[in-house]
C-alpha atoms as a PDB file:
ATOM      1  CA  MET A   1      -1.658  78.635  27.559  1.00  0.00           C
ATOM      2  CA  LYS A   2       0.223  75.249  29.451  1.00  0.00           C
ATOM      3  CA  ASN A   3      -1.791  72.288  31.173  1.00  0.00           C
ATOM      4  CA  ILE A   4      -3.975  71.983  28.755  1.00  0.00           C
ATOM      5  CA  SER A   5      -5.943  69.158  29.062  1.00  0.00           C
ATOM      6  CA  HIS A   6      -6.762  67.051  25.859  1.00  0.00           C
ATOM      7  CA  ASN A   7      -9.119  63.862  26.581  1.00  0.00           C
ATOM      8  CA  GLY A   8     -11.567  62.673  22.948  1.00  0.00           C
ATOM      9  CA  ASN A   9     -11.776  59.311  21.759  1.00  0.00           C
ATOM     10  CA  LEU A  10     -10.701  58.650  17.697  1.00  0.00           C
ATOM     11  CA  SER A  11     -11.953  55.731  16.428  1.00  0.00           C
ATOM     12  CA  LEU A  12      -9.610  53.964  14.611  1.00  0.00           C
ATOM     13  CA  ASP A  13     -11.620  54.726  10.862  1.00  0.00           C
ATOM     14  CA  ASP A  14     -11.326  58.725  12.543  1.00  0.00           C
ATOM     15  CA  VAL A  15      -7.902  57.741  12.089  1.00  0.00           C
ATOM     16  CA  ILE A  16      -7.904  56.015   8.645  1.00  0.00           C
ATOM     17  CA  ALA A  17      -9.945  58.871   7.261  1.00  0.00           C
ATOM     18  CA  VAL A  18      -7.181  61.905   8.703  1.00  0.00           C
ATOM     19  CA  ALA A  19      -4.641  59.651   7.269  1.00  0.00           C
ATOM     20  CA  ARG A  20      -6.887  59.518   3.416  1.00  0.00           C
ATOM     21  CA  ILE A  21      -6.869  63.326   3.963  1.00  0.00           C
ATOM     22  CA  MET A  22      -3.140  64.293   4.492  1.00  0.00           C
ATOM     23  CA  ARG A  23      -1.621  61.276   2.002  1.00  0.00           C
ATOM     24  CA  PRO A  24      -0.632  63.859  -0.493  1.00  0.00           C
ATOM     25  CA  ARG A  25       1.288  65.705   2.013  1.00  0.00           C
ATOM     26  CA  SER A  26       2.444  62.494   3.841  1.00  0.00           C
ATOM     27  CA  MET A  27       6.089  61.465   3.040  1.00  0.00           C
ATOM     28  CA  ALA A  28       5.415  58.147   4.459  1.00  0.00           C
ATOM     29  CA  ARG A  29       5.740  55.146   1.446  1.00  0.00           C
ATOM     30  CA  GLU A  30       2.343  53.379   2.436  1.00  0.00           C
ATOM     31  CA  LEU A  31      -1.105  55.059   4.446  1.00  0.00           C
ATOM     32  CA  LYS A  32       0.019  52.483   7.431  1.00  0.00           C
ATOM     33  CA  GLY A  33       2.986  55.162   7.451  1.00  0.00           C
ATOM     34  CA  THR A  34       0.550  57.482   7.256  1.00  0.00           C
ATOM     35  CA  VAL A  35      -2.036  56.834   9.835  1.00  0.00           C
ATOM     36  CA  ARG A  36       1.545  55.538  12.332  1.00  0.00           C
ATOM     37  CA  GLU A  37       2.363  59.501  11.847  1.00  0.00           C
ATOM     38  CA  ILE A  38      -1.866  60.943  13.253  1.00  0.00           C
ATOM     39  CA  LEU A  39      -1.772  58.218  15.703  1.00  0.00           C
ATOM     40  CA  GLY A  40       1.972  60.237  17.010  1.00  0.00           C
ATOM     41  CA  THR A  41       0.110  63.496  16.917  1.00  0.00           C
ATOM     42  CA  CYS A  42      -3.093  61.982  18.877  1.00  0.00           C
ATOM     43  CA  GLN A  43      -0.088  60.881  21.535  1.00  0.00           C
ATOM     44  CA  SER A  44       1.261  64.303  21.886  1.00  0.00           C
ATOM     45  CA  VAL A  45      -2.295  65.499  22.902  1.00  0.00           C
ATOM     46  CA  GLY A  46      -3.648  63.145  24.728  1.00  0.00           C
ATOM     47  CA  CYS A  47      -6.073  61.706  22.862  1.00  0.00           C
ATOM     48  CA  THR A  48      -6.946  57.905  22.889  1.00  0.00           C
ATOM     49  CA  VAL A  49      -7.717  55.739  19.820  1.00  0.00           C
ATOM     50  CA  ASP A  50     -11.014  53.459  20.426  1.00  0.00           C
ATOM     51  CA  GLY A  51     -10.541  53.585  24.486  1.00  0.00           C
ATOM     52  CA  ASP A  52      -6.570  52.819  24.291  1.00  0.00           C
ATOM     53  CA  SER A  53      -3.957  54.887  24.647  1.00  0.00           C
ATOM     54  CA  ALA A  54      -2.852  56.151  21.006  1.00  0.00           C
ATOM     55  CA  GLN A  55       0.479  54.364  22.732  1.00  0.00           C
ATOM     56  CA  ASP A  56      -0.749  51.356  22.223  1.00  0.00           C
ATOM     57  CA  MET A  57      -2.513  51.239  18.526  1.00  0.00           C
ATOM     58  CA  LEU A  58       0.819  52.732  17.142  1.00  0.00           C
ATOM     59  CA  GLU A  59       2.037  48.806  18.696  1.00  0.00           C
ATOM     60  CA  LYS A  60      -0.554  47.338  17.126  1.00  0.00           C
ATOM     61  CA  VAL A  61      -0.481  48.802  13.944  1.00  0.00           C
ATOM     62  CA  ALA A  62       3.391  48.138  13.317  1.00  0.00           C
ATOM     63  CA  SER A  63       3.139  44.822  14.474  1.00  0.00           C
ATOM     64  CA  GLY A  64       0.748  44.405  12.432  1.00  0.00           C
ATOM     65  CA  ASP A  65      -2.338  42.980  14.732  1.00  0.00           C
ATOM     66  CA  VAL A  66      -4.290  45.896  13.495  1.00  0.00           C
ATOM     67  CA  SER A  67      -4.566  46.138   9.695  1.00  0.00           C
ATOM     68  CA  ILE A  68      -5.407  48.984   7.687  1.00  0.00           C
ATOM     69  CA  PRO A  69      -6.003  48.823   4.591  1.00  0.00           C
ATOM     70  CA  GLU A  70      -3.888  49.885   1.536  1.00  0.00           C
ATOM     71  CA  LYS A  71      -7.096  51.737  -0.912  1.00  0.00           C
END
């Protein structure tokens, strides 16, 4: 089952919604960390976020260019 192509696109709002659901299971101290975990999963399956690669979005979140709400 290798060489499966994943080519989905999620909005950042979808990623944040998933992070809120996964928050109790996450080891991250803040929601921002959980969002970064979800973006890492997007990257590993080849999914884009708002048309950008998941890696680009990860860098934007880490640098603060994209703000993640606390609640």
